[in-house]
Amino acid sequence: MGEIRNFRPGNPDEPPPHSGMPRRLAAIIVGDIVSYSRLMQADEEGTHARVKRIERDIIQPSIIEHHGSLVKTTGDGFIAIFDSPVEAVRCSIVIQQNLVGRNASIPKHSRLEYRIGVNLGDVIVEPDDIYGDGVNIATRIEGIAEPGQVFISGAIYEQIKHKIVCGYESLGDRKVKNITDPVRVYRVLPDADAVGKTRSRRENALIFLLAITVLMMATGVLWYLLAQPGRMGEQAAAPPTAPVVSPVPQPLPSEAAKQTPQPSPSLASSPLAPTPAPAPSPSATPVREPEMIAIRGGSFAMGSNDDPTERPVHQVTIKPFSIGKYPVTVQEWNECAAAKACGFTATGKDDAPVSNVSWTDAQQYVAWLAQATKKPYRLPSEAEWEYAARGGTQTKYWWGDKLQPGMAGCKDCGELAAEQPAKVGSFKPNPFGLYDMGGGIDQWVADCWHRTYQGAPSDGSARTSADCSSHVLRSGSWKNDSRYVRPSNRGGYDTGVRYPTHGFRIALSP
């Protein structure tokens, strides 16, 4: 008996509906350029070239770095899918922050700004496209997003709300086109302090309303009193009495060094209240200086043949300098933040390396430290960093040519995977006595990013330029594999963009 086949009208060799079209649950990013038609009409060729550069330099690398797949570009936008909602939102934030850096020097009417929508849904996957309500909802969310913003669905929010250091603003349930049920939408606030700022605005509004209410009540009471001249006359005849002043509680001698006495509530509104002492200026407060290691000058072969960006290997001579024994910690950074000289307050344990720092942030810290201590603190040059990281060796790692467990903090360095870097000094120091010169946290240096060492200085100085849009990172992080912890490893990132694995250490000229 021959093979029995199900009969269908049309081509009998066609597969039944949906056969070969797998479905999957995925996080979908939809991005779209604001005012694309206007920009194309003004400069068609220039706009097209700029869009392609952004896709090549920002969108595609960011998607790959966050383990996603670019489904397609649409002329004025793109669609990408991710297995992880966390990585999808992180990718969206990085894309938007990179675009801020790109647009900084461009007139507002000429900027390429994206709106991004992110949704979690079941989709039909084809080789060159995806379909389904999951995509449609992401598209509708993108359509109501504001320029430069990331809007996410409630489905995404429930997956990421405790996993990313950022804020969220609920925009409520939105009815979107061609979707039956309302969609809950949130605005992502990538600045960790933005939550507090949003709350502060709401609190200020409530305080304002409360003040208006109190003022209206006070006006009513005053009107009532003025309407009774007899009572007012009696009050006018009464002798004035001194305001009652409550005694100010004084701290015990043993507590005097721990607290600053505050005026009591009764004095705060009294005409006899003492004028509070002005807060000490940042320069009057002792500054915690990171521990430094003095490095003797010398010559070494910089670079390697392991990666094109590390070529050509070239001889460099280093002058004596000092470099931080550890990366800058959360505690050290927050002293700068408390002095209002650094842009945000870092979270995490005091002895953890500060992270989510842009190159611009790192420069704020060294400028503050130099001003506060009157010492020439700075970021190390790329050559100084590698010289210090090698510790006088020329092997693949400072401890030898083979990976050894327990020597560095990376995802395949023998330690358990973690959601954050270990505290500074958790691994063995290199021969120069420096900790975490490989793994732990990516570290900014002073140099502008160049893809190779062609034209690099041989005197150990930083390679800089006035129009530098990206800078060099060294060390690799706890999220990278062991290739990144090699002393010769190098990478680049946009100057003004923060990223969760980026930190720094400082240097000091003699």
Protein backbone atom coordinates (compact mmCIF):
# COMPACT_ATOMS: atom_id res chain seq x y z
CA MET A 1 0.00 0.00 0.00
CA GLY A 2 1.35 3.37 -0.93
CA GLU A 3 1.87 6.33 1.43
CA ILE A 4 -1.38 7.90 2.63
CA ARG A 5 -1.30 11.71 2.61
CA ASN A 6 -3.86 14.18 3.87
CA PHE A 7 -5.53 15.90 0.92
CA ARG A 8 -5.69 19.69 0.85
CA PRO A 9 -6.89 21.94 -1.97
CA GLY A 10 -4.17 23.70 -3.87
CA ASN A 11 -0.60 22.47 -3.81
CA PRO A 12 -0.58 19.07 -2.05
CA ASP A 13 3.09 19.51 -1.16
CA GLU A 14 2.47 22.64 0.90
CA PRO A 15 2.69 22.09 4.65
CA PRO A 16 -0.45 22.52 6.73
CA PRO A 17 -1.07 25.98 8.24
CA HIS A 18 1.62 27.12 10.74
CA SER A 19 3.77 24.02 10.14
CA GLY A 20 7.44 25.03 10.19
CA MET A 21 6.56 28.36 11.84
CA PRO A 22 7.72 27.93 15.44
CA ARG A 23 6.30 30.05 18.22
CA ARG A 24 8.29 31.32 21.18
CA LEU A 25 7.91 33.60 24.15
CA ALA A 26 10.21 36.57 23.61
CA ALA A 27 10.93 40.11 24.66
CA ILE A 28 10.43 42.33 21.63
CA ILE A 29 12.02 45.74 21.06
CA VAL A 30 10.53 48.05 18.45
CA GLY A 31 12.39 51.29 17.72
CA ASP A 32 11.35 54.14 15.44
CA ILE A 33 12.93 57.47 14.44
CA VAL A 34 10.99 60.59 15.37
CA SER A 35 10.18 62.97 12.45
CA TYR A 36 11.92 60.66 9.97
CA SER A 37 9.92 61.93 6.98
CA ARG A 38 10.81 65.55 7.75
CA LEU A 39 14.50 64.71 8.11
CA MET A 40 14.51 62.73 4.84
CA GLN A 41 12.81 65.58 3.01
CA ALA A 42 15.42 68.04 4.29
CA ASP A 43 18.46 65.84 3.54
CA GLU A 44 17.65 62.45 2.06
CA GLU A 45 21.17 61.12 1.45
CA GLY A 46 22.65 62.57 4.62
CA THR A 47 19.82 61.26 6.83
CA HIS A 48 20.03 57.80 5.26
CA ALA A 49 23.79 57.67 5.85
CA ARG A 50 23.39 58.80 9.48
CA VAL A 51 20.71 56.17 10.14
CA LYS A 52 22.94 53.44 8.74
CA ARG A 53 25.86 54.59 10.91
CA ILE A 54 23.67 54.47 14.00
CA GLU A 55 22.50 50.97 13.09
CA ARG A 56 26.10 49.86 12.54
CA ASP A 57 27.74 51.63 15.48
CA ILE A 58 25.04 51.55 18.17
CA ILE A 59 21.97 49.43 17.51
CA GLN A 60 23.48 46.22 16.13
CA PRO A 61 26.43 46.05 18.62
CA SER A 62 24.11 46.78 21.56
CA ILE A 63 21.71 44.01 20.53
CA ILE A 64 24.56 41.51 20.16
CA GLU A 65 26.15 42.58 23.45
CA HIS A 66 22.85 41.93 25.24
CA HIS A 67 22.36 38.51 23.63
CA GLY A 68 19.53 39.51 21.34
CA SER A 69 18.84 39.13 17.63
CA LEU A 70 18.11 41.89 15.15
CA VAL A 71 15.05 40.73 13.22
CA LYS A 72 15.05 43.52 10.66
CA THR A 73 15.53 47.20 10.04
CA THR A 74 12.60 49.14 8.61
CA GLY A 75 14.19 52.24 7.10
CA ASP A 76 13.13 54.43 9.98
CA GLY A 77 13.39 51.83 12.74
CA PHE A 78 14.22 48.28 13.81
CA ILE A 79 12.78 45.19 15.51
CA ALA A 80 14.79 42.87 17.77
CA ILE A 81 13.95 39.90 19.99
CA PHE A 82 15.54 38.66 23.21
CA ASP A 83 15.19 35.60 25.41
CA SER A 84 15.66 37.82 28.48
CA PRO A 85 13.37 40.78 29.28
CA VAL A 86 16.17 42.17 31.48
CA GLU A 87 18.65 42.22 28.60
CA ALA A 88 16.03 43.70 26.27
CA VAL A 89 15.44 46.67 28.58
CA ARG A 90 19.17 47.10 29.29
CA CYS A 91 19.81 47.13 25.55
CA SER A 92 17.09 49.76 25.06
CA ILE A 93 18.59 51.99 27.76
CA VAL A 94 22.09 51.68 26.31
CA ILE A 95 20.85 52.54 22.81
CA GLN A 96 19.07 55.66 24.07
CA GLN A 97 22.02 56.78 26.21
CA ASN A 98 24.40 56.28 23.28
CA LEU A 99 22.12 58.38 21.11
CA VAL A 100 22.19 61.18 23.69
CA GLY A 101 25.96 61.28 23.29
CA ARG A 102 25.69 61.23 19.51
CA ASN A 103 23.13 64.04 19.47
CA ALA A 104 24.87 66.33 21.97
CA SER A 105 26.63 68.43 19.33
CA ILE A 106 23.81 68.35 16.74
CA PRO A 107 21.11 71.05 16.50
CA LYS A 108 17.85 69.81 17.97
CA HIS A 109 15.89 69.99 14.70
CA SER A 110 18.49 67.74 13.01
CA ARG A 111 18.82 65.08 15.69
CA LEU A 112 17.97 61.43 15.04
CA GLU A 113 15.93 60.50 18.11
CA TYR A 114 14.31 57.11 18.62
CA ARG A 115 11.21 56.06 20.49
CA ILE A 116 11.44 52.52 21.86
CA GLY A 117 8.70 50.15 22.98
CA VAL A 118 9.36 46.81 24.69
CA ASN A 119 6.87 43.99 25.24
CA LEU A 120 6.88 40.34 26.32
CA GLY A 121 4.69 38.09 24.22
CA ASP A 122 4.23 34.92 22.22
CA VAL A 123 5.37 35.38 18.63
CA ILE A 124 5.58 33.43 15.39
CA VAL A 125 9.19 33.32 14.22
CA GLU A 126 10.16 33.21 10.56
CA PRO A 127 13.70 33.40 9.17
CA ASP A 128 13.44 37.11 8.39
CA ASP A 129 10.50 38.38 10.44
CA ILE A 130 8.28 37.83 13.49
CA TYR A 131 4.52 38.10 13.84
CA GLY A 132 1.81 38.13 16.49
CA ASP A 133 0.15 40.31 19.10
CA GLY A 134 3.42 40.41 21.06
CA VAL A 135 4.96 42.40 18.19
CA ASN A 136 1.85 44.50 17.65
CA ILE A 137 1.73 45.57 21.29
CA ALA A 138 5.44 46.50 21.25
CA THR A 139 4.76 48.57 18.13
CA ARG A 140 1.81 50.36 19.74
CA ILE A 141 3.81 51.09 22.90
CA GLU A 142 6.62 52.51 20.77
CA GLY A 143 4.04 54.70 19.03
CA ILE A 144 3.04 56.43 22.28
CA ALA A 145 6.60 56.71 23.62
CA GLU A 146 8.28 60.11 23.73
CA PRO A 147 11.47 60.96 21.82
CA GLY A 148 14.50 59.49 23.56
CA GLN A 149 12.33 57.41 25.91
CA VAL A 150 11.86 53.69 26.57
CA PHE A 151 8.28 52.59 27.31
CA ILE A 152 7.60 49.03 28.46
CA SER A 153 4.51 46.90 28.94
CA GLY A 154 3.27 45.61 32.28
CA ALA A 155 4.37 42.12 31.24
CA ILE A 156 7.96 43.34 30.91
CA TYR A 157 7.75 45.37 34.13
CA GLU A 158 6.74 42.34 36.19
CA GLN A 159 9.83 40.49 34.96
CA ILE A 160 12.41 43.23 35.54
CA LYS A 161 11.14 45.46 38.37
CA HIS A 162 13.66 44.19 40.95
CA LYS A 163 16.49 43.32 38.56
CA ILE A 164 17.66 46.57 36.93
CA VAL A 165 19.02 49.64 38.69
CA CYS A 166 16.63 52.18 37.26
CA GLY A 167 13.29 53.79 37.98
CA TYR A 168 9.83 53.30 36.52
CA GLU A 169 6.91 55.66 36.14
CA SER A 170 3.51 54.05 35.74
CA LEU A 171 1.49 55.61 32.93
CA GLY A 172 -1.59 53.52 33.68
CA ASP A 173 -3.64 51.37 31.35
CA ARG A 174 -3.65 52.54 27.74
CA LYS A 175 -6.10 51.58 25.01
CA VAL A 176 -4.04 50.99 21.88
CA LYS A 177 -5.14 50.50 18.30
CA ASN A 178 -6.31 47.03 17.24
CA ILE A 179 -5.58 45.49 20.67
CA THR A 180 -8.70 44.33 22.53
CA ASP A 181 -7.56 44.74 26.12
CA PRO A 182 -5.91 47.87 27.57
CA VAL A 183 -2.14 47.63 27.98
CA ARG A 184 -0.44 48.75 31.17
CA VAL A 185 2.50 50.99 30.25
CA TYR A 186 5.56 52.17 32.20
CA ARG A 187 8.19 54.76 31.37
CA VAL A 188 11.76 53.61 32.13
CA LEU A 189 13.85 56.13 34.06
CA PRO A 190 17.46 54.99 33.49
CA ASP A 191 18.87 57.40 36.11
CA ALA A 192 18.60 55.58 39.45
CA ASP A 193 17.91 58.95 41.11
CA ALA A 194 15.00 59.64 38.77
CA VAL A 195 12.57 57.74 40.98
CA GLY A 196 13.32 60.12 43.82
CA LYS A 197 13.06 63.11 41.51
CA THR A 198 9.66 61.96 40.26
CA ARG A 199 8.47 61.37 43.78
CA SER A 200 9.84 64.75 44.82
CA ARG A 201 7.82 66.48 42.14
CA ARG A 202 4.69 64.73 43.36
CA GLU A 203 5.50 65.52 46.98
CA ASN A 204 6.14 69.17 46.11
CA ALA A 205 2.74 69.32 44.43
CA LEU A 206 1.08 67.88 47.53
CA ILE A 207 2.95 70.32 49.79
CA PHE A 208 1.83 73.20 47.57
CA LEU A 209 -1.80 72.10 47.79
CA LEU A 210 -1.49 71.69 51.54
CA ALA A 211 0.00 75.18 51.87
CA ILE A 212 -2.90 76.66 49.88
CA THR A 213 -5.36 74.86 52.15
CA VAL A 214 -3.64 76.14 55.31
CA LEU A 215 -3.54 79.68 53.89
CA MET A 216 -7.25 79.59 53.15
CA MET A 217 -7.98 78.35 56.68
CA ALA A 218 -5.79 81.09 58.18
CA THR A 219 -7.58 83.71 56.08
CA GLY A 220 -10.91 82.46 57.38
CA VAL A 221 -9.75 82.66 61.00
CA LEU A 222 -8.41 86.19 60.50
CA TRP A 223 -11.68 87.30 58.92
CA TYR A 224 -13.58 85.85 61.89
CA LEU A 225 -11.41 87.74 64.39
CA LEU A 226 -11.63 91.03 62.50
CA ALA A 227 -15.41 90.71 62.49
CA GLN A 228 -15.44 90.85 66.33
CA PRO A 229 -14.03 94.30 67.32
CA GLY A 230 -14.67 93.75 71.03
CA ARG A 231 -12.49 90.66 71.13
CA MET A 232 -9.80 92.38 69.13
CA GLY A 233 -9.83 95.36 71.53
CA GLU A 234 -9.45 93.08 74.50
CA GLN A 235 -6.52 91.38 72.84
CA ALA A 236 -4.94 94.74 71.99
CA ALA A 237 -5.18 95.83 75.63
CA ALA A 238 -3.54 92.71 76.94
CA PRO A 239 0.14 93.16 77.81
CA PRO A 240 2.52 91.46 75.43
CA THR A 241 4.01 88.24 76.64
CA ALA A 242 7.31 86.76 75.68
CA PRO A 243 7.11 83.68 73.54
CA VAL A 244 7.51 80.43 75.39
CA VAL A 245 10.81 78.86 74.49
CA SER A 246 11.33 75.18 75.12
CA PRO A 247 14.75 74.22 76.40
CA VAL A 248 17.03 72.81 73.74
CA PRO A 249 18.06 69.25 74.63
CA GLN A 250 21.82 68.93 74.78
CA PRO A 251 23.64 65.72 73.84
CA LEU A 252 25.57 63.87 76.49
CA PRO A 253 29.33 64.45 76.39
CA SER A 254 29.85 60.96 75.02
CA GLU A 255 27.40 61.64 72.21
CA ALA A 256 28.68 65.10 71.27
CA ALA A 257 31.05 63.75 68.67
CA LYS A 258 28.34 61.60 67.09
CA GLN A 259 25.59 64.11 66.45
CA THR A 260 24.98 67.74 65.59
CA PRO A 261 22.36 69.39 67.86
CA GLN A 262 19.32 70.59 65.94
CA PRO A 263 17.00 73.42 67.09
CA SER A 264 13.84 72.17 68.74
CA PRO A 265 10.56 72.48 66.86
CA SER A 266 9.43 75.31 69.19
CA LEU A 267 12.52 77.38 68.39
CA ALA A 268 12.31 76.77 64.68
CA SER A 269 9.34 79.12 64.29
CA SER A 270 10.27 81.55 67.10
CA PRO A 271 11.78 85.02 66.54
CA LEU A 272 14.30 84.07 69.25
CA ALA A 273 15.45 80.97 67.38
CA PRO A 274 19.24 80.89 66.95
CA THR A 275 20.60 81.08 63.44
CA PRO A 276 21.85 77.60 62.52
CA ALA A 277 25.54 77.27 61.81
CA PRO A 278 26.30 77.03 58.09
CA ALA A 279 27.13 73.59 56.79
CA PRO A 280 30.86 73.03 56.35
CA SER A 281 32.09 73.48 52.83
CA PRO A 282 33.34 70.39 51.00
CA SER A 283 36.91 71.65 51.27
CA ALA A 284 36.63 71.79 55.06
CA THR A 285 35.73 68.10 55.30
CA PRO A 286 38.63 65.63 55.26
CA VAL A 287 38.71 63.76 51.96
CA ARG A 288 39.25 60.02 51.81
CA GLU A 289 42.09 59.51 49.33
CA PRO A 290 42.26 56.11 47.63
CA GLU A 291 45.29 54.06 48.62
CA MET A 292 48.01 54.42 45.98
CA ILE A 293 50.93 52.24 44.86
CA ALA A 294 54.08 53.90 43.50
CA ILE A 295 55.19 52.39 40.17
CA ARG A 296 58.77 52.72 39.01
CA GLY A 297 59.26 53.69 35.39
CA GLY A 298 60.47 51.25 32.75
CA SER A 299 59.95 49.90 29.25
CA PHE A 300 57.73 47.04 28.06
CA ALA A 301 56.19 45.53 24.96
CA MET A 302 52.60 46.79 24.86
CA GLY A 303 49.83 44.84 23.15
CA SER A 304 49.57 41.28 21.82
CA ASN A 305 48.75 39.32 18.70
CA ASP A 306 45.67 37.73 20.29
CA ASP A 307 43.27 40.35 18.88
CA PRO A 308 43.48 42.88 16.03
CA THR A 309 42.74 45.76 18.42
CA GLU A 310 45.89 44.88 20.39
CA ARG A 311 48.23 45.21 17.41
CA PRO A 312 50.86 46.12 16.57
CA VAL A 313 52.91 45.12 19.59
CA HIS A 314 55.14 48.13 20.28
CA GLN A 315 57.74 49.24 22.80
CA VAL A 316 56.63 51.86 25.30
CA THR A 317 58.64 53.70 27.97
CA ILE A 318 56.78 54.61 31.16
CA LYS A 319 57.75 57.38 33.58
CA PRO A 320 57.31 56.83 37.35
CA PHE A 321 53.74 57.37 38.58
CA SER A 322 51.32 56.13 41.22
CA ILE A 323 48.10 54.21 40.63
CA GLY A 324 45.20 53.17 42.85
CA LYS A 325 45.75 49.95 44.75
CA TYR A 326 42.09 49.17 44.11
CA PRO A 327 39.39 50.50 41.80
CA VAL A 328 37.52 53.48 43.27
CA THR A 329 34.94 52.17 45.74
CA VAL A 330 31.31 53.07 46.39
CA GLN A 331 32.31 54.79 49.65
CA GLU A 332 34.99 56.90 47.96
CA TRP A 333 32.66 57.86 45.13
CA ASN A 334 29.85 58.83 47.46
CA GLU A 335 32.07 61.34 49.25
CA CYS A 336 32.30 63.13 45.91
CA ALA A 337 28.53 62.79 45.46
CA ALA A 338 27.96 64.21 48.96
CA ALA A 339 30.11 67.20 47.99
CA LYS A 340 27.80 67.72 44.98
CA ALA A 341 30.77 67.25 42.65
CA CYS A 342 29.75 63.85 41.21
CA GLY A 343 26.54 63.30 39.31
CA PHE A 344 24.82 60.56 41.32
CA THR A 345 24.88 58.63 44.59
CA ALA A 346 26.10 55.08 44.06
CA THR A 347 24.35 52.08 45.56
CA GLY A 348 25.96 48.93 46.93
CA LYS A 349 28.36 48.04 49.70
CA ASP A 350 30.98 50.62 50.65
CA ASP A 351 33.89 48.31 49.76
CA ALA A 352 32.51 47.32 46.35
CA PRO A 353 33.90 49.04 43.25
CA VAL A 354 31.66 51.84 42.06
CA SER A 355 29.88 50.88 38.84
CA ASN A 356 27.55 52.30 36.20
CA VAL A 357 30.03 55.14 35.71
CA SER A 358 30.63 56.95 32.43
CA TRP A 359 34.02 58.33 31.42
CA THR A 360 32.63 61.80 32.06
CA ASP A 361 31.60 60.72 35.57
CA ALA A 362 35.10 59.40 36.25
CA GLN A 363 36.58 62.72 35.17
CA GLN A 364 34.28 64.53 37.59
CA TYR A 365 35.62 62.42 40.43
CA VAL A 366 39.32 62.96 39.65
CA ALA A 367 38.74 66.70 39.16
CA TRP A 368 37.02 66.90 42.56
CA LEU A 369 39.74 64.85 44.27
CA ALA A 370 42.52 66.92 42.69
CA GLN A 371 40.86 70.16 43.75
CA ALA A 372 40.10 68.94 47.29
CA THR A 373 43.61 67.56 47.95
CA LYS A 374 45.66 69.91 45.76
CA LYS A 375 47.30 66.85 44.17
CA PRO A 376 47.42 66.07 40.44
CA TYR A 377 45.05 63.10 40.44
CA ARG A 378 43.89 61.89 37.02
CA LEU A 379 42.91 58.79 35.08
CA PRO A 380 45.84 56.58 34.07
CA SER A 381 46.84 56.42 30.44
CA GLU A 382 46.18 53.18 28.60
CA ALA A 383 49.92 52.42 28.52
CA GLU A 384 50.31 53.11 32.25
CA TRP A 385 47.37 50.83 33.01
CA GLU A 386 48.75 47.92 30.99
CA TYR A 387 52.26 48.39 32.40
CA ALA A 388 50.84 48.31 35.93
CA ALA A 389 48.53 45.37 35.15
CA ARG A 390 51.37 43.23 33.81
CA GLY A 391 53.35 43.75 37.00
CA GLY A 392 56.66 43.30 35.20
CA THR A 393 55.55 40.17 33.30
CA GLN A 394 54.99 39.52 29.58
CA THR A 395 52.82 36.40 29.87
CA LYS A 396 49.19 36.08 28.77
CA TYR A 397 48.00 36.78 32.33
CA TRP A 398 50.16 38.35 35.00
CA TRP A 399 50.39 34.96 36.77
CA GLY A 400 51.26 32.94 33.65
CA ASP A 401 49.99 31.74 30.30
CA LYS A 402 47.18 29.55 31.60
CA LEU A 403 44.00 30.53 33.41
CA GLN A 404 44.07 29.70 37.12
CA PRO A 405 40.97 29.65 39.33
CA GLY A 406 40.68 32.25 42.05
CA MET A 407 42.98 34.80 40.41
CA ALA A 408 40.41 37.16 38.88
CA GLY A 409 36.69 37.92 38.94
CA CYS A 410 35.10 36.84 35.67
CA LYS A 411 32.30 34.47 34.72
CA ASP A 412 34.61 31.55 33.86
CA CYS A 413 37.49 32.33 36.22
CA GLY A 414 36.53 29.62 38.71
CA GLU A 415 34.20 31.70 40.84
CA LEU A 416 30.44 31.33 41.04
CA ALA A 417 28.53 33.64 38.72
CA ALA A 418 27.35 36.78 40.51
CA GLU A 419 24.99 39.66 39.84
CA GLN A 420 27.60 42.20 40.97
CA PRO A 421 31.38 42.43 41.33
CA ALA A 422 33.10 41.15 44.45
CA LYS A 423 34.41 43.69 46.94
CA VAL A 424 37.76 45.20 46.02
CA GLY A 425 40.77 43.14 47.01
CA SER A 426 38.94 39.79 46.91
CA PHE A 427 41.58 38.20 44.68
CA LYS A 428 45.36 37.99 44.85
CA PRO A 429 47.41 41.10 43.99
CA ASN A 430 49.76 41.15 41.03
CA PRO A 431 53.57 41.51 41.50
CA PHE A 432 53.21 45.30 41.86
CA GLY A 433 50.75 44.86 44.75
CA LEU A 434 47.74 45.96 42.69
CA TYR A 435 44.33 44.32 43.04
CA ASP A 436 41.66 43.68 40.42
CA MET A 437 43.80 44.55 37.40
CA GLY A 438 41.73 42.09 35.37
CA GLY A 439 38.11 41.16 36.03
CA GLY A 440 35.85 42.64 38.66
CA ILE A 441 34.99 45.93 36.97
CA ASP A 442 35.77 47.46 33.56
CA GLN A 443 38.07 50.43 34.11
CA TRP A 444 38.14 53.70 32.20
CA VAL A 445 41.49 55.18 31.18
CA ALA A 446 42.31 58.59 29.74
CA ASP A 447 42.79 57.59 26.08
CA CYS A 448 40.42 58.09 23.19
CA TRP A 449 39.39 54.83 21.55
CA HIS A 450 41.25 53.76 18.42
CA ARG A 451 40.77 50.35 16.84
CA THR A 452 44.50 49.60 16.69
CA TYR A 453 47.79 50.92 18.08
CA GLN A 454 48.79 52.47 14.76
CA GLY A 455 50.12 55.92 15.62
CA ALA A 456 50.02 55.33 19.40
CA PRO A 457 52.59 57.30 21.48
CA SER A 458 55.66 55.45 22.72
CA ASP A 459 56.22 57.58 25.83
CA GLY A 460 53.30 56.22 27.87
CA SER A 461 51.15 59.34 27.49
CA ALA A 462 47.42 59.23 26.81
CA ARG A 463 46.20 59.36 23.22
CA THR A 464 43.63 62.16 23.27
CA SER A 465 41.82 64.52 20.90
CA ALA A 466 39.32 67.35 21.20
CA ASP A 467 36.52 65.52 19.37
CA CYS A 468 36.81 62.20 21.19
CA SER A 469 33.38 60.51 21.31
CA SER A 470 34.48 57.24 22.92
CA HIS A 471 37.20 56.22 25.36
CA VAL A 472 39.16 53.10 26.25
CA LEU A 473 38.13 50.53 28.86
CA ARG A 474 40.51 48.00 30.41
CA SER A 475 40.33 44.97 32.71
CA GLY A 476 37.10 43.22 31.72
CA SER A 477 34.38 42.66 34.30
CA TRP A 478 32.70 39.98 36.37
CA LYS A 479 30.24 39.49 33.47
CA ASN A 480 32.96 38.81 30.85
CA ASP A 481 34.86 35.62 30.17
CA SER A 482 38.58 35.09 30.79
CA ARG A 483 39.67 36.57 27.44
CA TYR A 484 38.85 39.98 28.85
CA VAL A 485 41.03 39.74 31.98
CA ARG A 486 44.28 39.60 30.00
CA PRO A 487 46.43 42.72 30.65
CA SER A 488 46.52 43.43 26.90
CA ASN A 489 42.74 43.29 26.43
CA ARG A 490 41.13 46.59 25.46
CA GLY A 491 37.76 47.93 24.39
CA GLY A 492 35.99 51.23 23.83
CA TYR A 493 32.67 52.80 24.83
CA ASP A 494 30.85 56.09 24.34
CA THR A 495 32.26 58.82 26.57
CA GLY A 496 29.07 60.06 28.21
CA VAL A 497 27.19 56.77 28.60
CA ARG A 498 26.87 54.86 31.87
CA TYR A 499 26.91 51.06 31.86
CA PRO A 500 26.51 48.65 34.81
CA THR A 501 29.97 47.02 34.50
CA HIS A 502 32.01 50.23 34.08
CA GLY A 503 34.15 51.74 36.86
CA PHE A 504 37.67 53.15 37.15
CA ARG A 505 40.82 53.60 39.21
CA ILE A 506 42.93 56.69 39.51
CA ALA A 507 46.53 57.68 38.90
CA LEU A 508 48.79 60.36 40.34
CA SER A 509 51.72 62.11 38.74
CA PRO A 510 54.84 62.51 40.92
